[in-house]
Amino acid sequence: MPEKEKKPKAPIAKRLVDNAKFLQQRIGVGTSFDLGVRKIYILNREVHIYYCNGLCDTQYIIELLKQIVHVNDDERQASQAWQIIENRLVHQQVSPVTSLDEAVDKLLSGLIIVLIEGESTGFAVDVRSYPGRQPQEPDTEKVVRGARDGYVENIIVNTALTRRRIRDERLRFEILQVGERSKTDVCIAYIKDVADPGLVELVKKELQQINVDGLTMGDKTVEEFLVKQGYNPYPLVRYTERPDVAATHLLEGHVLIMVDTSPSVIITPTTFFHHVQHAEEYRQSPGVGTFVRWVRFLGILTSLFLPPLWVLFVLEPELLPKEWGFIGPNKQTNIPIIVQILIADFGIELLRMAAIHTPTPLSTAMGLIAAVLIGQIAIDVGLFVSEVILYVSVAAIGSFATPSYELSVANKISRLALVVLVFLFKVPGFVIGATVYLLWLVSIRSLNTPYLWPFIPFDPAAFMQIVVRRSAAGAKVRPSIVHPQDVRKQPT
């Protein structure tokens, strides 16, 4: 699809009447109730101050108006009105504006625009005050010990939370606008002498090529344009709402993408093993962190392979030694095991979806109904055998223990596919299915990064850091997969 030809920018007219007519036709000043203009006279010259209610801090605007109006009492040089007004705009972020298109973009972002009769250059003053909540601990990334602040929907607050943890003069936050209509602020964060310049340029290029009306779904829309995931269910970027996690990845050499109106930050590039680690492991001692990590790995493997293996042993009981003969259904039912597994799995997914949309006071009651009434009665009437409920529930717990929600859902889809293959082809179905699954993960690349690194291609030192949680003093080098300019974490 050919790119739209860029129209020449309309310059600011010296006659305020012409500017007012343009803004009325372009953005509806005078029609939209939240867009307004304050008209005052300074040194016998008319001054228009345009604003957008709800996005501006009214107190700042009042103070600015007081300072500007006092010009009439203290100054007499009307020919120097532009310079005098600029000097009286007592704010740290005042920038000149030379085109009405630029003025429109800034006005709709929450800045105020000051236009002066007889001048072709105006001012943009950043008095933005976006509505939003205060930083609080994310629900999906809670820790027993650690910081309780989290990212919010305000990109300015998010950059401040990150800057608070990394006070390095080489930390960069580059901002650009994405979306033909939404003009959403998107920020690229990296450390200049650590991050790979090629990776930074690649991310910039991909963001600049996004051609869409708006980013109404925020960071998710950016991700779909960035990595071109298609129908691959496995996450190719990592999301985090914790500033400490984001700061850790910045120091490792990753590039972060922050999208205004989104409380989560995109970390690039990432591998499969980035999605199975949690901040809790680094808030405990290395020994405890390693134990927690191994238990989590076991839960993830259980969520993926336990139901297919159980179905295989039910269909081929001779594969089990005699001591393990208790594995399998203890009674016969009229409903095939594969159907029971699928119904139970879809039932748990339905309950998860219902829990999200159920008010908190009612969610506990819903859980009791699901566990006591539906589960037990389904067993009593013969719809399920008890072993099906057991193994599907254990697999569901393993899914809940997976730190990345996106990865847990992708593993569930893979598990259901393996269950169907085992039911159709038994042992060959499990072997071929598991092999194809592994080869598929090997073939995935996220921003030219192998998905299963450091397992495939194998990097012994990096793989040991995945298996064993190293102490902060022992982790001396940055991961090679991000190609950092400065390899060592600890200066020599």
Protein backbone atom coordinates (compact mmCIF):
# COMPACT_ATOMS: atom_id res chain seq x y z
CA MET A 1 0.00 0.00 0.00
CA PRO A 2 1.65 3.28 -1.03
CA GLU A 3 2.38 5.78 1.71
CA LYS A 4 0.19 8.88 1.89
CA GLU A 5 1.75 12.01 0.46
CA LYS A 6 2.61 14.43 3.25
CA LYS A 7 0.81 17.75 2.90
CA PRO A 8 2.84 20.93 3.42
CA LYS A 9 2.43 22.31 6.91
CA ALA A 10 0.29 25.39 7.30
CA PRO A 11 2.35 28.27 8.76
CA ILE A 12 1.09 30.38 11.64
CA ALA A 13 -0.55 33.49 10.22
CA LYS A 14 0.23 36.91 11.62
CA ARG A 15 -3.51 37.64 11.80
CA LEU A 16 -5.08 35.78 14.73
CA VAL A 17 -8.43 35.75 12.92
CA ASP A 18 -6.96 33.49 10.25
CA ASN A 19 -5.45 31.16 12.87
CA ALA A 20 -8.76 31.00 14.75
CA LYS A 21 -10.61 30.10 11.54
CA PHE A 22 -8.10 27.33 10.79
CA LEU A 23 -8.37 25.83 14.29
CA GLN A 24 -12.15 26.03 14.17
CA GLN A 25 -12.31 24.08 10.91
CA ARG A 26 -9.44 21.68 11.74
CA ILE A 27 -10.15 20.55 15.31
CA GLY A 28 -13.51 22.14 16.14
CA VAL A 29 -12.56 24.96 18.51
CA GLY A 30 -15.91 26.43 19.49
CA THR A 31 -17.72 23.19 18.66
CA SER A 32 -16.00 20.67 20.94
CA PHE A 33 -16.70 21.70 24.51
CA ASP A 34 -13.29 20.54 25.79
CA LEU A 35 -11.32 22.78 23.39
CA GLY A 36 -11.23 26.44 24.38
CA VAL A 37 -9.42 29.71 23.88
CA ARG A 38 -8.67 32.58 26.30
CA LYS A 39 -8.27 35.99 24.60
CA ILE A 40 -6.33 38.74 26.33
CA TYR A 41 -4.53 41.96 25.35
CA ILE A 42 -0.86 42.44 26.14
CA LEU A 43 0.79 45.80 25.27
CA ASN A 44 -2.17 46.59 22.99
CA ARG A 45 -1.66 43.34 21.05
CA GLU A 46 -4.19 40.53 21.09
CA VAL A 47 -2.99 37.17 22.48
CA HIS A 48 -4.87 33.87 22.13
CA ILE A 49 -4.21 30.98 24.54
CA TYR A 50 -5.65 27.66 23.34
CA TYR A 51 -6.12 24.71 25.73
CA CYS A 52 -7.76 21.29 26.03
CA ASN A 53 -9.76 20.72 29.21
CA GLY A 54 -9.00 17.52 31.07
CA LEU A 55 -5.43 17.26 29.76
CA CYS A 56 -4.09 20.50 31.29
CA ASP A 57 -3.28 21.53 34.83
CA THR A 58 -5.56 24.53 35.47
CA GLN A 59 -3.41 25.90 38.29
CA TYR A 60 -0.37 26.15 36.01
CA ILE A 61 -2.44 28.02 33.39
CA ILE A 62 -3.74 30.48 36.00
CA GLU A 63 -0.19 31.24 37.19
CA LEU A 64 0.98 31.75 33.61
CA LEU A 65 -1.93 34.13 32.94
CA LYS A 66 -1.06 36.15 36.05
CA GLN A 67 2.53 36.54 34.90
CA ILE A 68 1.53 37.53 31.36
CA VAL A 69 -1.14 40.04 32.45
CA HIS A 70 1.37 41.78 34.72
CA VAL A 71 3.30 42.71 31.59
CA ASN A 72 0.80 45.54 31.05
CA ASP A 73 1.81 47.03 34.39
CA ASP A 74 5.59 46.69 34.06
CA GLU A 75 6.44 47.01 30.36
CA ARG A 76 5.88 49.67 27.67
CA GLN A 77 7.80 48.37 24.60
CA ALA A 78 5.07 46.94 22.36
CA SER A 79 7.63 46.12 19.66
CA GLN A 80 9.27 43.63 22.04
CA ALA A 81 6.01 41.88 22.96
CA TRP A 82 7.10 38.46 21.65
CA GLN A 83 10.35 38.45 23.66
CA ILE A 84 8.65 39.83 26.77
CA ILE A 85 5.86 37.24 26.71
CA GLU A 86 8.41 34.47 26.16
CA ASN A 87 10.31 35.67 29.22
CA ARG A 88 7.13 35.76 31.33
CA LEU A 89 6.11 32.17 30.49
CA VAL A 90 7.53 30.88 33.76
CA HIS A 91 7.72 27.19 32.94
CA GLN A 92 10.61 24.81 32.31
CA GLN A 93 9.19 23.49 29.03
CA VAL A 94 8.42 26.31 26.59
CA SER A 95 9.13 25.73 22.89
CA PRO A 96 8.49 27.88 19.78
CA VAL A 97 5.86 26.73 17.28
CA THR A 98 6.02 27.82 13.65
CA SER A 99 3.20 25.82 12.00
CA LEU A 100 -0.46 25.33 12.82
CA ASP A 101 -0.19 21.57 12.21
CA GLU A 102 2.45 21.33 14.92
CA ALA A 103 0.30 23.51 17.16
CA VAL A 104 -2.69 21.18 16.65
CA ASP A 105 -0.63 18.09 17.56
CA LYS A 106 0.69 19.70 20.72
CA LEU A 107 -2.69 21.14 21.69
CA LEU A 108 -4.39 17.73 21.43
CA SER A 109 -1.56 16.26 23.53
CA GLY A 110 -2.39 18.57 26.42
CA LEU A 111 -0.04 21.50 25.86
CA ILE A 112 -1.31 25.07 25.68
CA ILE A 113 -0.63 27.15 22.57
CA VAL A 114 0.07 30.89 22.83
CA LEU A 115 -0.40 32.92 19.61
CA ILE A 116 0.37 36.66 19.36
CA GLU A 117 -1.11 39.13 16.89
CA GLY A 118 1.46 40.12 14.27
CA GLU A 119 3.83 37.21 15.02
CA SER A 120 4.35 34.12 12.85
CA THR A 121 5.81 32.12 15.75
CA GLY A 122 3.86 31.02 18.80
CA PHE A 123 4.67 29.13 21.98
CA ALA A 124 3.81 25.67 23.26
CA VAL A 125 3.87 25.26 27.04
CA ASP A 126 3.80 21.77 28.54
CA VAL A 127 1.21 21.93 31.32
CA ARG A 128 -0.08 18.40 30.78
CA SER A 129 -1.81 16.66 33.65
CA TYR A 130 -3.27 13.39 32.40
CA PRO A 131 -5.95 11.68 34.48
CA GLY A 132 -4.73 8.39 35.90
CA ARG A 133 -3.97 6.29 38.95
CA GLN A 134 -0.98 6.33 41.26
CA PRO A 135 1.83 3.74 40.94
CA GLN A 136 0.92 0.52 42.74
CA GLU A 137 2.07 -3.08 42.77
CA PRO A 138 0.98 -4.97 39.62
CA ASP A 139 -1.49 -7.79 40.27
CA THR A 140 0.29 -10.15 37.86
CA GLU A 141 3.83 -9.64 39.22
CA LYS A 142 3.52 -9.59 42.99
CA VAL A 143 6.48 -10.41 45.22
CA VAL A 144 6.78 -11.27 48.91
CA ARG A 145 9.58 -8.73 49.39
CA GLY A 146 10.38 -5.88 47.08
CA ALA A 147 9.15 -2.60 45.66
CA ARG A 148 5.41 -2.02 45.57
CA ASP A 149 5.36 0.56 42.79
CA GLY A 150 4.38 -0.29 39.25
CA TYR A 151 3.95 1.34 35.88
CA VAL A 152 0.76 3.26 35.15
CA GLU A 153 -0.97 4.55 32.02
CA ASN A 154 1.03 7.80 32.00
CA ILE A 155 4.23 7.61 29.94
CA ILE A 156 5.79 10.54 31.84
CA VAL A 157 5.36 8.76 35.17
CA ASN A 158 6.74 5.55 33.69
CA THR A 159 9.92 7.20 32.45
CA ALA A 160 10.36 8.82 35.87
CA LEU A 161 9.99 5.47 37.65
CA THR A 162 12.69 4.04 35.39
CA ARG A 163 14.99 7.05 35.68
CA ARG A 164 14.73 6.80 39.47
CA ARG A 165 16.40 3.37 39.33
CA ILE A 166 19.01 4.17 36.67
CA ARG A 167 20.53 7.62 37.16
CA ASP A 168 22.98 7.15 34.33
CA GLU A 169 23.68 10.05 32.01
CA ARG A 170 23.71 7.57 29.12
CA LEU A 171 20.13 6.41 29.63
CA ARG A 172 18.08 7.59 26.65
CA PHE A 173 14.32 8.03 26.22
CA GLU A 174 13.52 8.79 22.56
CA ILE A 175 9.89 9.64 21.84
CA LEU A 176 7.91 9.53 18.62
CA GLN A 177 4.26 9.57 17.67
CA VAL A 178 2.55 6.58 16.09
CA GLY A 179 -0.93 6.50 14.58
CA GLU A 180 -2.35 8.70 11.85
CA ARG A 181 -5.28 9.75 14.02
CA SER A 182 -4.37 8.82 17.60
CA LYS A 183 -0.81 10.20 17.45
CA THR A 184 0.08 8.08 20.46
CA ASP A 185 3.36 8.81 22.20
CA VAL A 186 5.75 5.86 21.98
CA CYS A 187 9.08 5.93 23.83
CA ILE A 188 12.20 3.87 23.10
CA ALA A 189 14.40 3.39 26.18
CA TYR A 190 17.98 2.12 26.15
CA ILE A 191 21.42 2.77 27.63
CA LYS A 192 23.58 4.34 24.95
CA ASP A 193 26.90 2.60 25.60
CA VAL A 194 25.34 -0.80 26.46
CA ALA A 195 22.55 -1.49 23.96
CA ASP A 196 23.42 -2.69 20.47
CA PRO A 197 23.06 0.32 18.08
CA GLY A 198 21.81 -2.02 15.36
CA LEU A 199 19.00 -3.23 17.64
CA VAL A 200 18.04 0.34 18.54
CA GLU A 201 17.90 1.34 14.87
CA LEU A 202 15.90 -1.78 14.00
CA VAL A 203 13.29 -1.00 16.66
CA LYS A 204 13.11 2.65 15.53
CA LYS A 205 12.71 1.64 11.90
CA GLU A 206 9.92 -0.82 12.68
CA LEU A 207 8.05 1.75 14.78
CA GLN A 208 8.38 4.47 12.15
CA GLN A 209 6.93 2.12 9.52
CA ILE A 210 3.74 1.49 11.49
CA ASN A 211 0.90 2.79 9.35
CA VAL A 212 -2.36 2.62 11.30
CA ASP A 213 -5.17 4.95 12.34
CA GLY A 214 -4.57 4.55 16.06
CA LEU A 215 -3.10 2.47 18.85
CA THR A 216 -6.33 1.97 20.77
CA MET A 217 -5.01 -1.30 22.22
CA GLY A 218 -1.72 0.37 23.12
CA ASP A 219 1.37 -1.79 23.42
CA LYS A 220 -0.31 -4.90 21.98
CA THR A 221 -0.89 -3.16 18.66
CA VAL A 222 2.75 -2.02 18.63
CA GLU A 223 3.88 -5.60 19.31
CA GLU A 224 1.88 -7.01 16.38
CA PHE A 225 3.49 -4.52 14.00
CA LEU A 226 6.93 -4.94 15.55
CA VAL A 227 7.40 -8.74 15.53
CA LYS A 228 4.73 -9.73 12.96
CA GLN A 229 3.66 -12.70 15.06
CA GLY A 230 0.72 -13.84 12.95
CA TYR A 231 -1.11 -16.81 14.51
CA ASN A 232 1.90 -18.03 16.48
CA PRO A 233 0.56 -18.24 20.08
CA TYR A 234 3.99 -18.00 21.74
CA PRO A 235 4.95 -14.51 22.99
CA LEU A 236 7.83 -12.91 21.09
CA VAL A 237 8.26 -9.95 23.46
CA ARG A 238 8.06 -9.77 27.22
CA TYR A 239 5.72 -7.47 29.10
CA THR A 240 6.40 -6.14 32.57
CA GLU A 241 4.66 -3.67 34.85
CA ARG A 242 7.54 -3.59 37.35
CA PRO A 243 10.10 -0.75 37.05
CA ASP A 244 12.79 -2.87 38.75
CA VAL A 245 12.39 -5.64 36.15
CA ALA A 246 12.52 -3.09 33.32
CA ALA A 247 15.64 -1.45 34.80
CA THR A 248 17.37 -4.84 35.10
CA HIS A 249 16.78 -5.54 31.42
CA LEU A 250 18.02 -2.08 30.44
CA LEU A 251 21.27 -2.76 32.26
CA GLU A 252 21.57 -6.08 30.41
CA GLY A 253 21.39 -4.30 27.04
CA HIS A 254 17.75 -4.73 26.09
CA VAL A 255 15.65 -2.06 24.41
CA LEU A 256 12.35 -1.10 26.05
CA ILE A 257 9.25 0.29 24.36
CA MET A 258 6.82 2.38 26.40
CA VAL A 259 3.43 3.28 24.97
CA ASP A 260 1.31 6.04 26.46
CA THR A 261 -2.00 4.75 27.95
CA SER A 262 -0.42 1.31 28.56
CA PRO A 263 0.71 0.27 32.07
CA SER A 264 3.06 -2.40 30.75
CA VAL A 265 6.42 -2.02 29.04
CA ILE A 266 7.66 -4.11 26.10
CA ILE A 267 11.11 -5.71 26.51
CA THR A 268 13.01 -6.64 23.33
CA PRO A 269 14.53 -8.94 22.32
CA THR A 270 13.38 -11.86 24.45
CA THR A 271 13.63 -15.64 24.37
CA PHE A 272 11.48 -18.45 25.75
CA PHE A 273 13.44 -18.44 29.01
CA HIS A 274 12.76 -14.75 29.65
CA HIS A 275 9.10 -15.68 30.12
CA VAL A 276 9.74 -18.32 32.80
CA GLN A 277 11.63 -16.07 35.23
CA HIS A 278 10.06 -13.97 37.95
CA ALA A 279 11.21 -11.07 40.12
CA GLU A 280 10.57 -13.16 43.25
CA GLU A 281 13.61 -15.33 42.41
CA TYR A 282 15.87 -12.28 42.68
CA ARG A 283 14.30 -11.04 45.90
CA GLN A 284 15.37 -14.21 47.75
CA SER A 285 18.81 -15.70 48.41
CA PRO A 286 20.43 -17.53 45.48
CA GLY A 287 19.66 -20.92 47.03
CA VAL A 288 16.00 -20.12 47.65
CA GLY A 289 15.73 -18.42 44.26
CA THR A 290 17.12 -21.52 42.54
CA PHE A 291 14.66 -23.76 44.41
CA VAL A 292 11.73 -21.52 43.46
CA ARG A 293 12.92 -21.50 39.86
CA TRP A 294 13.15 -25.30 39.69
CA VAL A 295 9.67 -25.68 41.17
CA ARG A 296 8.36 -23.21 38.58
CA PHE A 297 10.11 -25.11 35.75
CA LEU A 298 8.52 -28.33 37.04
CA GLY A 299 5.11 -26.68 37.07
CA ILE A 300 5.53 -25.45 33.49
CA LEU A 301 6.61 -28.89 32.26
CA THR A 302 3.68 -30.43 34.16
CA SER A 303 1.21 -28.04 32.56
CA LEU A 304 2.53 -29.02 29.13
CA PHE A 305 3.18 -32.77 29.27
CA LEU A 306 1.24 -34.30 32.20
CA PRO A 307 -2.21 -34.75 30.53
CA PRO A 308 -0.76 -36.11 27.23
CA LEU A 309 1.40 -38.62 29.14
CA TRP A 310 -1.53 -39.73 31.27
CA VAL A 311 -3.72 -40.24 28.19
CA LEU A 312 -0.90 -42.27 26.63
CA PHE A 313 -0.65 -44.56 29.69
CA VAL A 314 -4.43 -44.96 29.72
CA LEU A 315 -4.39 -46.06 26.07
CA GLU A 316 -1.19 -48.14 26.42
CA PRO A 317 -1.15 -49.49 30.01
CA GLU A 318 1.58 -52.01 29.12
CA LEU A 319 4.05 -49.12 28.96
CA LEU A 320 3.85 -48.78 32.74
CA PRO A 321 5.73 -51.04 35.18
CA LYS A 322 3.55 -53.14 37.48
CA GLU A 323 4.35 -50.94 40.47
CA TRP A 324 2.74 -48.01 38.63
CA GLY A 325 -0.37 -49.89 37.62
CA PHE A 326 -2.57 -47.61 39.72
CA ILE A 327 -2.19 -44.89 37.07
CA GLY A 328 -5.25 -44.78 34.87
CA PRO A 329 -9.04 -44.62 35.40
CA ASN A 330 -10.31 -46.99 38.11
CA LYS A 331 -13.75 -47.29 36.57
CA GLN A 332 -15.25 -47.38 33.11
CA THR A 333 -17.35 -44.54 31.71
CA ASN A 334 -19.38 -44.10 28.57
CA ILE A 335 -17.55 -40.90 27.63
CA PRO A 336 -14.09 -41.32 26.02
CA ILE A 337 -11.15 -40.07 28.06
CA ILE A 338 -10.12 -37.61 25.33
CA VAL A 339 -13.56 -35.97 25.45
CA GLN A 340 -13.38 -35.72 29.24
CA ILE A 341 -9.93 -34.10 29.06
CA LEU A 342 -11.07 -31.55 26.49
CA ILE A 343 -14.28 -30.70 28.37
CA ALA A 344 -12.40 -30.29 31.65
CA ASP A 345 -9.69 -28.14 30.04
CA PHE A 346 -12.19 -25.90 28.29
CA GLY A 347 -14.20 -25.73 31.53
CA ILE A 348 -11.20 -24.43 33.48
CA GLU A 349 -10.48 -21.87 30.75
CA LEU A 350 -14.13 -20.78 30.91
CA LEU A 351 -13.87 -20.39 34.68
CA ARG A 352 -10.72 -18.29 34.29
CA MET A 353 -12.48 -16.01 31.84
CA ALA A 354 -15.50 -15.77 34.13
CA ALA A 355 -13.25 -14.86 37.08
CA ILE A 356 -11.83 -11.92 35.12
CA HIS A 357 -15.29 -10.52 34.42
CA THR A 358 -16.74 -11.31 37.87
CA PRO A 359 -16.66 -8.62 40.59
CA THR A 360 -14.17 -9.48 43.33
CA PRO A 361 -16.78 -10.09 46.10
CA LEU A 362 -18.47 -12.69 43.89
CA SER A 363 -15.35 -14.44 42.57
CA THR A 364 -14.88 -16.49 45.76
CA ALA A 365 -18.46 -17.75 45.59
CA MET A 366 -17.97 -18.63 41.92
CA GLY A 367 -14.85 -20.65 42.80
CA LEU A 368 -16.73 -22.60 45.48
CA ILE A 369 -19.55 -23.36 43.06
CA ALA A 370 -17.07 -24.56 40.44
CA ALA A 371 -15.03 -26.72 42.84
CA VAL A 372 -17.74 -28.20 45.05
CA LEU A 373 -20.84 -28.37 42.92
CA ILE A 374 -19.73 -28.70 39.31
CA GLY A 375 -16.61 -30.82 39.86
CA GLN A 376 -17.95 -33.20 42.48
CA ILE A 377 -21.39 -33.65 40.91
CA ALA A 378 -19.81 -34.23 37.48
CA ILE A 379 -17.83 -37.11 39.02
CA ASP A 380 -20.85 -38.52 40.89
CA VAL A 381 -23.06 -38.63 37.81
CA GLY A 382 -20.31 -40.26 35.76
CA LEU A 383 -19.51 -37.40 33.40
CA PHE A 384 -15.86 -37.40 34.54
CA VAL A 385 -13.64 -39.92 36.25
CA SER A 386 -11.85 -38.46 39.25
CA GLU A 387 -8.40 -38.93 37.67
CA VAL A 388 -9.33 -36.56 34.83
CA ILE A 389 -10.18 -33.82 37.31
CA LEU A 390 -6.92 -34.50 39.18
CA TYR A 391 -4.54 -34.32 36.23
CA VAL A 392 -6.28 -31.43 34.50
CA SER A 393 -6.26 -29.50 37.79
CA VAL A 394 -2.55 -30.15 38.35
CA ALA A 395 -1.85 -28.96 34.79
CA ALA A 396 -3.95 -25.84 35.44
CA ILE A 397 -1.95 -25.08 38.59
CA GLY A 398 1.23 -25.37 36.50
CA SER A 399 -0.26 -22.86 34.06
CA PHE A 400 -1.04 -20.45 36.88
CA ALA A 401 2.55 -20.80 38.13
CA THR A 402 3.87 -19.68 34.74
CA PRO A 403 4.97 -16.03 35.20
CA SER A 404 3.94 -14.99 31.68
CA TYR A 405 0.21 -15.17 31.07
CA GLU A 406 0.79 -15.25 27.30
CA LEU A 407 3.15 -18.24 27.64
CA SER A 408 0.70 -20.14 29.84
CA VAL A 409 -2.08 -19.81 27.25
CA ALA A 410 0.31 -20.85 24.45
CA ASN A 411 1.34 -23.91 26.47
CA LYS A 412 -2.31 -24.82 26.96
CA ILE A 413 -2.90 -24.77 23.19
CA SER A 414 0.18 -26.95 22.66
CA ARG A 415 -0.97 -29.34 25.41
CA LEU A 416 -4.39 -29.79 23.81
CA ALA A 417 -2.72 -30.48 20.45
CA LEU A 418 -0.47 -33.12 22.06
CA VAL A 419 -3.47 -34.75 23.78
CA VAL A 420 -5.30 -35.08 20.45
CA LEU A 421 -2.18 -36.51 18.72
CA VAL A 422 -1.69 -39.06 21.52
CA PHE A 423 -5.33 -40.13 21.29
CA LEU A 424 -5.10 -40.57 17.50
CA PHE A 425 -1.64 -42.15 17.16
CA LYS A 426 -0.66 -43.18 20.70
CA VAL A 427 3.14 -43.53 21.17
CA PRO A 428 4.09 -42.27 17.68
CA GLY A 429 1.73 -39.34 18.18
CA PHE A 430 3.44 -38.32 21.42
CA VAL A 431 6.98 -38.73 20.05
CA ILE A 432 6.29 -36.97 16.76
CA GLY A 433 4.19 -34.27 18.42
CA ALA A 434 6.84 -33.47 21.06
CA THR A 435 9.56 -33.44 18.37
CA VAL A 436 7.60 -31.14 16.07
CA TYR A 437 6.84 -28.89 19.05
CA LEU A 438 10.52 -28.58 19.93
CA LEU A 439 11.55 -27.98 16.29
CA TRP A 440 8.86 -25.34 15.99
CA LEU A 441 10.19 -23.46 19.02
CA VAL A 442 13.71 -23.71 17.58
CA SER A 443 12.53 -22.13 14.32
CA ILE A 444 10.99 -19.08 16.02
CA ARG A 445 13.02 -15.89 15.95
CA SER A 446 12.15 -12.62 17.66
CA LEU A 447 13.95 -9.61 16.15
CA ASN A 448 16.64 -11.94 14.78
CA THR A 449 17.02 -13.62 18.20
CA PRO A 450 16.82 -17.46 18.53
CA TYR A 451 13.80 -18.26 20.70
CA LEU A 452 15.38 -21.14 22.64
CA TRP A 453 18.73 -19.48 23.35
CA PRO A 454 20.83 -20.45 25.38
CA PHE A 455 19.53 -24.03 25.04
CA ILE A 456 19.58 -23.99 21.23
CA PRO A 457 22.10 -22.74 20.14
CA PHE A 458 23.77 -24.01 23.28
CA ASP A 459 25.68 -21.54 25.43
CA PRO A 460 26.93 -23.39 28.56
CA ALA A 461 27.65 -20.32 30.70
CA ALA A 462 24.38 -18.59 29.88
CA PHE A 463 22.42 -21.86 30.27
CA MET A 464 23.82 -22.33 33.77
CA GLN A 465 22.52 -18.86 34.69
CA ILE A 466 19.08 -20.04 33.59
CA VAL A 467 19.25 -23.27 35.60
CA VAL A 468 20.89 -21.77 38.71
CA ARG A 469 20.08 -18.35 40.09
CA ARG A 470 23.47 -16.64 40.38
CA SER A 471 24.23 -14.10 43.07
CA ALA A 472 24.56 -10.45 42.03
CA ALA A 473 28.31 -10.59 42.70
CA GLY A 474 28.68 -13.70 40.54
CA ALA A 475 26.80 -12.39 37.49
CA LYS A 476 29.63 -10.39 35.92
CA VAL A 477 28.74 -10.41 32.23
CA ARG A 478 25.71 -9.35 30.24
CA PRO A 479 23.83 -11.88 28.08
CA SER A 480 25.52 -12.20 24.71
CA ILE A 481 22.21 -12.62 22.89
CA VAL A 482 21.58 -8.83 23.00
CA HIS A 483 25.10 -8.10 21.64
CA PRO A 484 25.95 -5.49 24.30
CA GLN A 485 28.66 -2.96 23.58
CA ASP A 486 29.94 -3.25 27.16
CA VAL A 487 30.05 -6.96 27.99
CA ARG A 488 30.91 -6.66 31.67
CA LYS A 489 28.33 -5.70 34.26
CA GLN A 490 30.92 -4.93 36.92
CA PRO A 491 33.68 -2.48 35.99
CA THR A 492 37.18 -3.87 36.41
